[in-house]
Amino acid sequence: MNKNIGTVDKIIRVFIGALLIALVFIGPQTAWGWLGVPVILIALFGWCPLYKVIGFSTCKQCKQS
């Protein structure tokens, strides 16, 4: 698994994931908020399976190698 997520992409994913998880506890309080967990895990690992399938990368260092 080569990393394919850059720093800015990671920050955005963690923020969106945290917002989704917050929906479980505040707001509409639906189970859909748990979709934030895989979003955060993808950011922490730095590898997005969808990016791999379409051949996309936001990681500048990974593009150079």
C-alpha atoms as a PDB file:
ATOM      1  CA  MET A   1       0.000   0.000   0.000  1.00  0.00           C
ATOM      2  CA  ASN A   2       1.743   3.102  -1.241  1.00  0.00           C
ATOM      3  CA  LYS A   3       0.490   6.331   0.266  1.00  0.00           C
ATOM      4  CA  ASN A   4      -1.659   8.364  -2.082  1.00  0.00           C
ATOM      5  CA  ILE A   5      -3.103  11.041   0.224  1.00  0.00           C
ATOM      6  CA  GLY A   6      -1.329  14.349   0.819  1.00  0.00           C
ATOM      7  CA  THR A   7      -1.257  16.440   3.990  1.00  0.00           C
ATOM      8  CA  VAL A   8      -4.064  18.837   3.070  1.00  0.00           C
ATOM      9  CA  ASP A   9      -6.232  15.914   1.960  1.00  0.00           C
ATOM     10  CA  LYS A  10      -5.605  14.187   5.311  1.00  0.00           C
ATOM     11  CA  ILE A  11      -6.583  17.279   7.292  1.00  0.00           C
ATOM     12  CA  ILE A  12      -9.803  17.676   5.312  1.00  0.00           C
ATOM     13  CA  ARG A  13     -10.678  13.990   5.755  1.00  0.00           C
ATOM     14  CA  VAL A  14     -10.087  14.075   9.512  1.00  0.00           C
ATOM     15  CA  PHE A  15     -12.251  17.192   9.815  1.00  0.00           C
ATOM     16  CA  ILE A  16     -15.082  15.682   7.748  1.00  0.00           C
ATOM     17  CA  GLY A  17     -14.799  12.384   9.625  1.00  0.00           C
ATOM     18  CA  ALA A  18     -15.019  14.154  12.977  1.00  0.00           C
ATOM     19  CA  LEU A  19     -18.080  16.076  11.803  1.00  0.00           C
ATOM     20  CA  LEU A  20     -19.756  12.856  10.698  1.00  0.00           C
ATOM     21  CA  ILE A  21     -19.020  11.159  14.019  1.00  0.00           C
ATOM     22  CA  ALA A  22     -20.378  14.211  15.841  1.00  0.00           C
ATOM     23  CA  LEU A  23     -23.693  13.614  14.062  1.00  0.00           C
ATOM     24  CA  VAL A  24     -24.071  10.401  16.066  1.00  0.00           C
ATOM     25  CA  PHE A  25     -24.066  12.312  19.346  1.00  0.00           C
ATOM     26  CA  ILE A  26     -25.527  15.706  18.386  1.00  0.00           C
ATOM     27  CA  GLY A  27     -27.748  16.795  15.563  1.00  0.00           C
ATOM     28  CA  PRO A  28     -29.978  14.208  13.893  1.00  0.00           C
ATOM     29  CA  GLN A  29     -28.341  11.378  15.902  1.00  0.00           C
ATOM     30  CA  THR A  30     -28.457   8.806  13.128  1.00  0.00           C
ATOM     31  CA  ALA A  31     -26.164   5.873  12.476  1.00  0.00           C
ATOM     32  CA  TRP A  32     -24.962   7.525   9.253  1.00  0.00           C
ATOM     33  CA  GLY A  33     -22.469   9.455  11.350  1.00  0.00           C
ATOM     34  CA  TRP A  34     -20.414   6.300  11.850  1.00  0.00           C
ATOM     35  CA  LEU A  35     -19.289   6.658   8.234  1.00  0.00           C
ATOM     36  CA  GLY A  36     -16.777   9.106   9.680  1.00  0.00           C
ATOM     37  CA  VAL A  37     -14.758   6.240  11.186  1.00  0.00           C
ATOM     38  CA  PRO A  38     -13.472   4.819   7.874  1.00  0.00           C
ATOM     39  CA  VAL A  39     -12.890   8.366   6.592  1.00  0.00           C
ATOM     40  CA  ILE A  40     -10.591   9.045   9.554  1.00  0.00           C
ATOM     41  CA  LEU A  41      -8.884   5.652   9.221  1.00  0.00           C
ATOM     42  CA  ILE A  42      -8.179   6.294   5.544  1.00  0.00           C
ATOM     43  CA  ALA A  43      -6.606   9.622   6.505  1.00  0.00           C
ATOM     44  CA  LEU A  44      -4.499   8.038   9.238  1.00  0.00           C
ATOM     45  CA  PHE A  45      -3.193   5.300   6.934  1.00  0.00           C
ATOM     46  CA  GLY A  46      -2.623   7.779   4.104  1.00  0.00           C
ATOM     47  CA  TRP A  47      -4.029   5.378   1.517  1.00  0.00           C
ATOM     48  CA  CYS A  48      -7.375   5.706  -0.249  1.00  0.00           C
ATOM     49  CA  PRO A  49      -8.652   2.638  -2.117  1.00  0.00           C
ATOM     50  CA  LEU A  50     -10.765   4.776  -4.477  1.00  0.00           C
ATOM     51  CA  TYR A  51      -7.730   6.884  -5.385  1.00  0.00           C
ATOM     52  CA  LYS A  52      -5.864   3.631  -6.127  1.00  0.00           C
ATOM     53  CA  VAL A  53      -8.617   2.396  -8.465  1.00  0.00           C
ATOM     54  CA  ILE A  54      -8.762   5.615 -10.485  1.00  0.00           C
ATOM     55  CA  GLY A  55      -4.987   6.170 -10.389  1.00  0.00           C
ATOM     56  CA  PHE A  56      -5.144   9.477  -8.534  1.00  0.00           C
ATOM     57  CA  SER A  57      -2.823  10.809  -5.820  1.00  0.00           C
ATOM     58  CA  THR A  58      -2.637  14.008  -3.782  1.00  0.00           C
ATOM     59  CA  CYS A  59       0.690  13.057  -2.217  1.00  0.00           C
ATOM     60  CA  LYS A  60       3.440  15.175  -3.803  1.00  0.00           C
ATOM     61  CA  GLN A  61       6.274  13.006  -2.469  1.00  0.00           C
ATOM     62  CA  CYS A  62       4.607   9.857  -3.783  1.00  0.00           C
ATOM     63  CA  LYS A  63       4.229  11.328  -7.265  1.00  0.00           C
ATOM     64  CA  GLN A  64       7.956  12.053  -7.462  1.00  0.00           C
ATOM     65  CA  SER A  65       9.051   8.500  -6.693  1.00  0.00           C
END
